[in-house]
Amino acid sequence: MQKKGRNRIVEIIDQITPDQGVFILRKLWNSSPDVRMRIETEIKKEL
């Protein structure tokens, strides 16, 4: 059952545009210090 939920998330992510992705990432970035730290960590890993 969890697998179906995971597939739905992937489908939603696949449907957003790059601009929408940046908009959502910025909203999450500004939502709380904990979320910001997690995002920053992931960005540093990718760079």
PDB file of N, CA and C in Angstrom:
ATOM      1  N   MET A   1       0.826  -1.206   0.000  1.00  0.00           N
ATOM      2  CA  MET A   1       0.000   0.000   0.000  1.00  0.00           C
ATOM      3  C   MET A   1       0.865   1.263   0.000  1.00  0.00           C
ATOM      4  N   GLN A   2       1.942   1.246   0.743  1.00  0.00           N
ATOM      5  CA  GLN A   2       2.830   2.401   0.769  1.00  0.00           C
ATOM      6  C   GLN A   2       3.431   2.655  -0.617  1.00  0.00           C
ATOM      7  N   LYS A   3       3.651   1.605  -1.366  1.00  0.00           N
ATOM      8  CA  LYS A   3       4.225   1.733  -2.693  1.00  0.00           C
ATOM      9  C   LYS A   3       3.342   2.583  -3.607  1.00  0.00           C
ATOM     10  N   LYS A   4       2.024   2.407  -3.526  1.00  0.00           N
ATOM     11  CA  LYS A   4       1.106   3.207  -4.334  1.00  0.00           C
ATOM     12  C   LYS A   4       1.243   4.682  -3.993  1.00  0.00           C
ATOM     13  N   GLY A   5       1.334   5.001  -2.714  1.00  0.00           N
ATOM     14  CA  GLY A   5       1.491   6.388  -2.288  1.00  0.00           C
ATOM     15  C   GLY A   5       2.780   6.978  -2.814  1.00  0.00           C
ATOM     16  N   ARG A   6       3.838   6.210  -2.789  1.00  0.00           N
ATOM     17  CA  ARG A   6       5.134   6.664  -3.289  1.00  0.00           C
ATOM     18  C   ARG A   6       5.049   6.939  -4.793  1.00  0.00           C
ATOM     19  N   ASN A   7       4.401   6.074  -5.525  1.00  0.00           N
ATOM     20  CA  ASN A   7       4.249   6.274  -6.961  1.00  0.00           C
ATOM     21  C   ASN A   7       3.481   7.556  -7.253  1.00  0.00           C
ATOM     22  N   ARG A   8       2.462   7.844  -6.454  1.00  0.00           N
ATOM     23  CA  ARG A   8       1.677   9.067  -6.650  1.00  0.00           C
ATOM     24  C   ARG A   8       2.562  10.287  -6.457  1.00  0.00           C
ATOM     25  N   ILE A   9       3.436  10.276  -5.467  1.00  0.00           N
ATOM     26  CA  ILE A   9       4.339  11.404  -5.229  1.00  0.00           C
ATOM     27  C   ILE A   9       5.255  11.601  -6.427  1.00  0.00           C
ATOM     28  N   VAL A  10       5.809  10.532  -6.940  1.00  0.00           N
ATOM     29  CA  VAL A  10       6.693  10.635  -8.097  1.00  0.00           C
ATOM     30  C   VAL A  10       5.939  11.229  -9.276  1.00  0.00           C
ATOM     31  N   GLU A  11       4.718  10.815  -9.495  1.00  0.00           N
ATOM     32  CA  GLU A  11       3.925  11.358 -10.594  1.00  0.00           C
ATOM     33  C   GLU A  11       3.695  12.858 -10.428  1.00  0.00           C
ATOM     34  N   ILE A  12       3.407  13.294  -9.224  1.00  0.00           N
ATOM     35  CA  ILE A  12       3.187  14.725  -8.977  1.00  0.00           C
ATOM     36  C   ILE A  12       4.476  15.498  -9.234  1.00  0.00           C
ATOM     37  N   ILE A  13       5.580  15.010  -8.739  1.00  0.00           N
ATOM     38  CA  ILE A  13       6.859  15.684  -8.930  1.00  0.00           C
ATOM     39  C   ILE A  13       7.199  15.766 -10.411  1.00  0.00           C
ATOM     40  N   ASP A  14       6.928  14.712 -11.138  1.00  0.00           N
ATOM     41  CA  ASP A  14       7.220  14.685 -12.569  1.00  0.00           C
ATOM     42  C   ASP A  14       6.376  15.677 -13.357  1.00  0.00           C
ATOM     43  N   GLN A  15       5.283  16.127 -12.806  1.00  0.00           N
ATOM     44  CA  GLN A  15       4.369  17.013 -13.516  1.00  0.00           C
ATOM     45  C   GLN A  15       4.675  18.495 -13.331  1.00  0.00           C
ATOM     46  N   ILE A  16       5.520  18.847 -12.359  1.00  0.00           N
ATOM     47  CA  ILE A  16       5.788  20.268 -12.135  1.00  0.00           C
ATOM     48  C   ILE A  16       6.882  20.769 -13.076  1.00  0.00           C
ATOM     49  N   THR A  17       6.810  22.048 -13.379  1.00  0.00           N
ATOM     50  CA  THR A  17       7.824  22.676 -14.213  1.00  0.00           C
ATOM     51  C   THR A  17       9.026  23.055 -13.346  1.00  0.00           C
ATOM     52  N   PRO A  18      10.174  23.319 -13.963  1.00  0.00           N
ATOM     53  CA  PRO A  18      11.322  23.789 -13.171  1.00  0.00           C
ATOM     54  C   PRO A  18      11.003  25.058 -12.369  1.00  0.00           C
ATOM     55  N   ASP A  19      10.251  25.985 -12.960  1.00  0.00           N
ATOM     56  CA  ASP A  19       9.881  27.213 -12.236  1.00  0.00           C
ATOM     57  C   ASP A  19       9.024  26.901 -11.017  1.00  0.00           C
ATOM     58  N   GLN A  20       8.090  25.977 -11.163  1.00  0.00           N
ATOM     59  CA  GLN A  20       7.260  25.577 -10.039  1.00  0.00           C
ATOM     60  C   GLN A  20       8.105  24.904  -8.966  1.00  0.00           C
ATOM     61  N   GLY A  21       9.081  24.114  -9.388  1.00  0.00           N
ATOM     62  CA  GLY A  21       9.974  23.453  -8.432  1.00  0.00           C
ATOM     63  C   GLY A  21      10.759  24.457  -7.607  1.00  0.00           C
ATOM     64  N   VAL A  22      11.262  25.486  -8.265  1.00  0.00           N
ATOM     65  CA  VAL A  22      12.009  26.536  -7.559  1.00  0.00           C
ATOM     66  C   VAL A  22      11.088  27.282  -6.599  1.00  0.00           C
ATOM     67  N   PHE A  23       9.871  27.588  -7.046  1.00  0.00           N
ATOM     68  CA  PHE A  23       8.904  28.279  -6.195  1.00  0.00           C
ATOM     69  C   PHE A  23       8.619  27.462  -4.924  1.00  0.00           C
ATOM     70  N   ILE A  24       8.377  26.175  -5.099  1.00  0.00           N
ATOM     71  CA  ILE A  24       8.093  25.293  -3.960  1.00  0.00           C
ATOM     72  C   ILE A  24       9.306  25.187  -3.056  1.00  0.00           C
ATOM     73  N   LEU A  25      10.498  25.042  -3.642  1.00  0.00           N
ATOM     74  CA  LEU A  25      11.721  24.951  -2.845  1.00  0.00           C
ATOM     75  C   LEU A  25      11.936  26.206  -2.019  1.00  0.00           C
ATOM     76  N   ARG A  26      11.665  27.368  -2.609  1.00  0.00           N
ATOM     77  CA  ARG A  26      11.815  28.629  -1.863  1.00  0.00           C
ATOM     78  C   ARG A  26      10.805  28.721  -0.708  1.00  0.00           C
ATOM     79  N   LYS A  27       9.573  28.251  -0.942  1.00  0.00           N
ATOM     80  CA  LYS A  27       8.578  28.258   0.132  1.00  0.00           C
ATOM     81  C   LYS A  27       9.029  27.358   1.280  1.00  0.00           C
ATOM     82  N   LEU A  28       9.538  26.187   0.947  1.00  0.00           N
ATOM     83  CA  LEU A  28      10.038  25.278   1.977  1.00  0.00           C
ATOM     84  C   LEU A  28      11.247  25.882   2.691  1.00  0.00           C
ATOM     85  N   TRP A  29      12.135  26.499   1.914  1.00  0.00           N
ATOM     86  CA  TRP A  29      13.343  27.133   2.452  1.00  0.00           C
ATOM     87  C   TRP A  29      12.971  28.157   3.526  1.00  0.00           C
ATOM     88  N   ASN A  30      11.924  28.913   3.273  1.00  0.00           N
ATOM     89  CA  ASN A  30      11.499  29.963   4.204  1.00  0.00           C
ATOM     90  C   ASN A  30      10.561  29.468   5.299  1.00  0.00           C
ATOM     91  N   SER A  31      10.169  28.201   5.259  1.00  0.00           N
ATOM     92  CA  SER A  31       9.160  27.706   6.203  1.00  0.00           C
ATOM     93  C   SER A  31       9.684  27.509   7.619  1.00  0.00           C
ATOM     94  N   SER A  32      10.925  27.076   7.756  1.00  0.00           N
ATOM     95  CA  SER A  32      11.479  26.894   9.098  1.00  0.00           C
ATOM     96  C   SER A  32      12.983  26.679   9.013  1.00  0.00           C
ATOM     97  N   PRO A  33      13.695  27.010  10.077  1.00  0.00           N
ATOM     98  CA  PRO A  33      15.152  26.815  10.085  1.00  0.00           C
ATOM     99  C   PRO A  33      15.555  25.344   9.881  1.00  0.00           C
ATOM    100  N   ASP A  34      14.784  24.415  10.433  1.00  0.00           N
ATOM    101  CA  ASP A  34      15.112  22.993  10.282  1.00  0.00           C
ATOM    102  C   ASP A  34      15.019  22.554   8.827  1.00  0.00           C
ATOM    103  N   VAL A  35      13.959  22.965   8.159  1.00  0.00           N
ATOM    104  CA  VAL A  35      13.780  22.608   6.756  1.00  0.00           C
ATOM    105  C   VAL A  35      14.881  23.263   5.932  1.00  0.00           C
ATOM    106  N   ARG A  36      15.188  24.503   6.239  1.00  0.00           N
ATOM    107  CA  ARG A  36      16.234  25.221   5.505  1.00  0.00           C
ATOM    108  C   ARG A  36      17.572  24.504   5.636  1.00  0.00           C
ATOM    109  N   MET A  37      17.900  24.037   6.821  1.00  0.00           N
ATOM    110  CA  MET A  37      19.160  23.326   7.036  1.00  0.00           C
ATOM    111  C   MET A  37      19.197  22.032   6.230  1.00  0.00           C
ATOM    112  N   ARG A  38      18.087  21.321   6.174  1.00  0.00           N
ATOM    113  CA  ARG A  38      18.037  20.075   5.407  1.00  0.00           C
ATOM    114  C   ARG A  38      18.198  20.335   3.914  1.00  0.00           C
ATOM    115  N   ILE A  39      17.537  21.366   3.427  1.00  0.00           N
ATOM    116  CA  ILE A  39      17.656  21.720   2.010  1.00  0.00           C
ATOM    117  C   ILE A  39      19.099  22.124   1.700  1.00  0.00           C
ATOM    118  N   GLU A  40      19.670  22.950   2.554  1.00  0.00           N
ATOM    119  CA  GLU A  40      21.038  23.416   2.346  1.00  0.00           C
ATOM    120  C   GLU A  40      22.018  22.237   2.311  1.00  0.00           C
ATOM    121  N   THR A  41      21.829  21.292   3.200  1.00  0.00           N
ATOM    122  CA  THR A  41      22.687  20.101   3.234  1.00  0.00           C
ATOM    123  C   THR A  41      22.600  19.336   1.925  1.00  0.00           C
ATOM    124  N   GLU A  42      21.384  19.154   1.414  1.00  0.00           N
ATOM    125  CA  GLU A  42      21.184  18.416   0.164  1.00  0.00           C
ATOM    126  C   GLU A  42      21.780  19.179  -1.022  1.00  0.00           C
ATOM    127  N   ILE A  43      21.644  20.492  -1.023  1.00  0.00           N
ATOM    128  CA  ILE A  43      22.222  21.298  -2.101  1.00  0.00           C
ATOM    129  C   ILE A  43      23.731  21.153  -2.103  1.00  0.00           C
ATOM    130  N   LYS A  44      24.342  21.243  -0.939  1.00  0.00           N
ATOM    131  CA  LYS A  44      25.803  21.114  -0.851  1.00  0.00           C
ATOM    132  C   LYS A  44      26.267  19.748  -1.321  1.00  0.00           C
ATOM    133  N   LYS A  45      25.492  18.700  -1.057  1.00  0.00           N
ATOM    134  CA  LYS A  45      25.849  17.356  -1.531  1.00  0.00           C
ATOM    135  C   LYS A  45      25.836  17.303  -3.048  1.00  0.00           C
ATOM    136  N   GLU A  46      24.888  17.987  -3.668  1.00  0.00           N
ATOM    137  CA  GLU A  46      24.740  17.943  -5.122  1.00  0.00           C
ATOM    138  C   GLU A  46      25.769  18.822  -5.839  1.00  0.00           C
ATOM    139  N   LEU A  47      26.227  19.864  -5.161  1.00  0.00           N
ATOM    140  CA  LEU A  47      27.204  20.768  -5.781  1.00  0.00           C
ATOM    141  C   LEU A  47      28.586  20.209  -5.576  1.00  0.00           C
TER     142      LEU A  47
END
